[in-house]
Amino acid sequence: MNLRLNDNVGDTPIKVWAKKLSWALPLFFLIKGLAWLAVPFISALYVLN
């Protein structure tokens, strides 16, 4: 049980941040991509109304 808690003891702060960024960046780009897709549809709805 203790091994899992002490997983990051040997890691430098840079490695810890790299692990966080490794899942945060794809998520960010996914949201950004969805936003770019949503903008034309939302603007089209306003233009039609």
N, C-alpha and C. Protein backbone atom coordinates (compact mmCIF):
# COMPACT_ATOMS: atom_id res chain seq x y z
N MET A 1 0.83 -1.20 0.00
CA MET A 1 0.00 0.00 0.00
C MET A 1 0.87 1.25 0.00
N ASN A 2 1.99 1.19 0.72
CA ASN A 2 2.87 2.36 0.82
C ASN A 2 3.58 2.66 -0.50
N LEU A 3 3.84 1.63 -1.29
CA LEU A 3 4.56 1.83 -2.54
C LEU A 3 3.82 2.79 -3.47
N ARG A 4 2.51 2.68 -3.49
CA ARG A 4 1.72 3.54 -4.37
C ARG A 4 1.78 5.00 -3.92
N LEU A 5 1.81 5.21 -2.61
CA LEU A 5 1.85 6.57 -2.09
C LEU A 5 3.20 7.22 -2.37
N ASN A 6 4.27 6.42 -2.33
CA ASN A 6 5.62 6.96 -2.49
C ASN A 6 6.11 6.87 -3.93
N ASP A 7 5.19 6.77 -4.86
CA ASP A 7 5.52 6.62 -6.27
C ASP A 7 6.35 7.79 -6.80
N ASN A 8 6.03 9.00 -6.36
CA ASN A 8 6.64 10.20 -6.94
C ASN A 8 7.81 10.74 -6.11
N VAL A 9 8.29 9.96 -5.16
CA VAL A 9 9.36 10.45 -4.28
C VAL A 9 10.63 10.74 -5.08
N GLY A 10 10.97 9.85 -6.03
CA GLY A 10 12.19 10.02 -6.80
C GLY A 10 12.05 11.01 -7.93
N ASP A 11 10.83 11.43 -8.21
CA ASP A 11 10.59 12.33 -9.34
C ASP A 11 10.93 13.77 -8.99
N THR A 12 11.51 14.46 -9.97
CA THR A 12 11.73 15.90 -9.81
C THR A 12 10.41 16.62 -10.06
N PRO A 13 10.27 17.86 -9.61
CA PRO A 13 9.04 18.61 -9.90
C PRO A 13 8.74 18.70 -11.39
N ILE A 14 9.79 18.73 -12.21
CA ILE A 14 9.60 18.80 -13.66
C ILE A 14 8.91 17.54 -14.16
N LYS A 15 9.33 16.38 -13.63
CA LYS A 15 8.70 15.12 -14.04
C LYS A 15 7.24 15.07 -13.60
N VAL A 16 6.98 15.59 -12.41
CA VAL A 16 5.60 15.60 -11.90
C VAL A 16 4.73 16.47 -12.80
N TRP A 17 5.25 17.65 -13.17
CA TRP A 17 4.49 18.54 -14.05
C TRP A 17 4.33 17.93 -15.44
N ALA A 18 5.35 17.21 -15.90
CA ALA A 18 5.26 16.56 -17.21
C ALA A 18 4.14 15.53 -17.22
N LYS A 19 4.00 14.81 -16.10
CA LYS A 19 2.92 13.82 -16.00
C LYS A 19 1.56 14.50 -16.01
N LYS A 20 1.46 15.65 -15.33
CA LYS A 20 0.19 16.38 -15.31
C LYS A 20 -0.13 16.93 -16.70
N LEU A 21 0.89 17.48 -17.37
CA LEU A 21 0.67 18.05 -18.70
C LEU A 21 0.34 16.98 -19.72
N SER A 22 0.85 15.76 -19.51
CA SER A 22 0.65 14.69 -20.49
C SER A 22 -0.83 14.35 -20.64
N TRP A 23 -1.64 14.57 -19.59
CA TRP A 23 -3.09 14.36 -19.76
C TRP A 23 -3.84 15.67 -19.88
N ALA A 24 -3.25 16.77 -19.39
CA ALA A 24 -3.95 18.06 -19.44
C ALA A 24 -3.93 18.66 -20.85
N LEU A 25 -2.82 18.50 -21.56
CA LEU A 25 -2.71 19.10 -22.89
C LEU A 25 -3.68 18.50 -23.90
N PRO A 26 -3.77 17.16 -24.01
CA PRO A 26 -4.76 16.60 -24.95
C PRO A 26 -6.18 17.02 -24.61
N LEU A 27 -6.47 17.10 -23.30
CA LEU A 27 -7.80 17.53 -22.86
C LEU A 27 -8.06 18.97 -23.30
N PHE A 28 -7.02 19.83 -23.14
CA PHE A 28 -7.13 21.24 -23.54
C PHE A 28 -7.39 21.36 -25.04
N PHE A 29 -6.64 20.59 -25.84
CA PHE A 29 -6.80 20.68 -27.29
C PHE A 29 -8.15 20.12 -27.73
N LEU A 30 -8.64 19.10 -27.00
CA LEU A 30 -9.95 18.54 -27.30
C LEU A 30 -11.04 19.58 -27.08
N ILE A 31 -10.97 20.28 -25.95
CA ILE A 31 -11.95 21.32 -25.63
C ILE A 31 -11.84 22.47 -26.64
N LYS A 32 -10.58 22.83 -26.97
CA LYS A 32 -10.35 23.91 -27.94
C LYS A 32 -10.93 23.53 -29.30
N GLY A 33 -10.72 22.28 -29.71
CA GLY A 33 -11.25 21.80 -30.98
C GLY A 33 -12.77 21.81 -31.00
N LEU A 34 -13.38 21.38 -29.89
CA LEU A 34 -14.84 21.39 -29.81
C LEU A 34 -15.38 22.81 -29.85
N ALA A 35 -14.65 23.74 -29.22
CA ALA A 35 -15.07 25.14 -29.22
C ALA A 35 -15.05 25.70 -30.64
N TRP A 36 -13.98 25.39 -31.40
CA TRP A 36 -13.87 25.86 -32.78
C TRP A 36 -15.00 25.29 -33.63
N LEU A 37 -15.41 24.04 -33.34
CA LEU A 37 -16.51 23.44 -34.09
C LEU A 37 -17.85 24.05 -33.70
N ALA A 38 -17.98 24.43 -32.42
CA ALA A 38 -19.26 24.93 -31.91
C ALA A 38 -19.52 26.37 -32.35
N VAL A 39 -18.46 27.17 -32.50
CA VAL A 39 -18.63 28.60 -32.81
C VAL A 39 -19.43 28.84 -34.10
N PRO A 40 -19.12 28.16 -35.22
CA PRO A 40 -19.91 28.40 -36.44
C PRO A 40 -21.38 28.04 -36.27
N PHE A 41 -21.67 26.95 -35.55
CA PHE A 41 -23.05 26.54 -35.34
C PHE A 41 -23.81 27.55 -34.50
N ILE A 42 -23.16 28.05 -33.44
CA ILE A 42 -23.80 29.03 -32.56
C ILE A 42 -24.04 30.33 -33.31
N SER A 43 -23.04 30.77 -34.08
CA SER A 43 -23.20 32.02 -34.84
C SER A 43 -24.28 31.85 -35.92
N ALA A 44 -24.37 30.66 -36.51
CA ALA A 44 -25.40 30.39 -37.52
C ALA A 44 -26.79 30.47 -36.90
N LEU A 45 -26.93 29.98 -35.68
CA LEU A 45 -28.23 30.03 -35.00
C LEU A 45 -28.66 31.48 -34.78
N TYR A 46 -27.70 32.33 -34.39
CA TYR A 46 -28.03 33.74 -34.16
C TYR A 46 -28.39 34.44 -35.48
N VAL A 47 -27.68 34.09 -36.56
CA VAL A 47 -27.94 34.71 -37.86
C VAL A 47 -29.32 34.31 -38.37
N LEU A 48 -29.70 33.04 -38.20
CA LEU A 48 -30.99 32.56 -38.68
C LEU A 48 -32.14 33.18 -37.89
N ASN A 49 -31.95 33.47 -36.63
CA ASN A 49 -33.00 34.06 -35.80
C ASN A 49 -33.03 35.55 -35.91
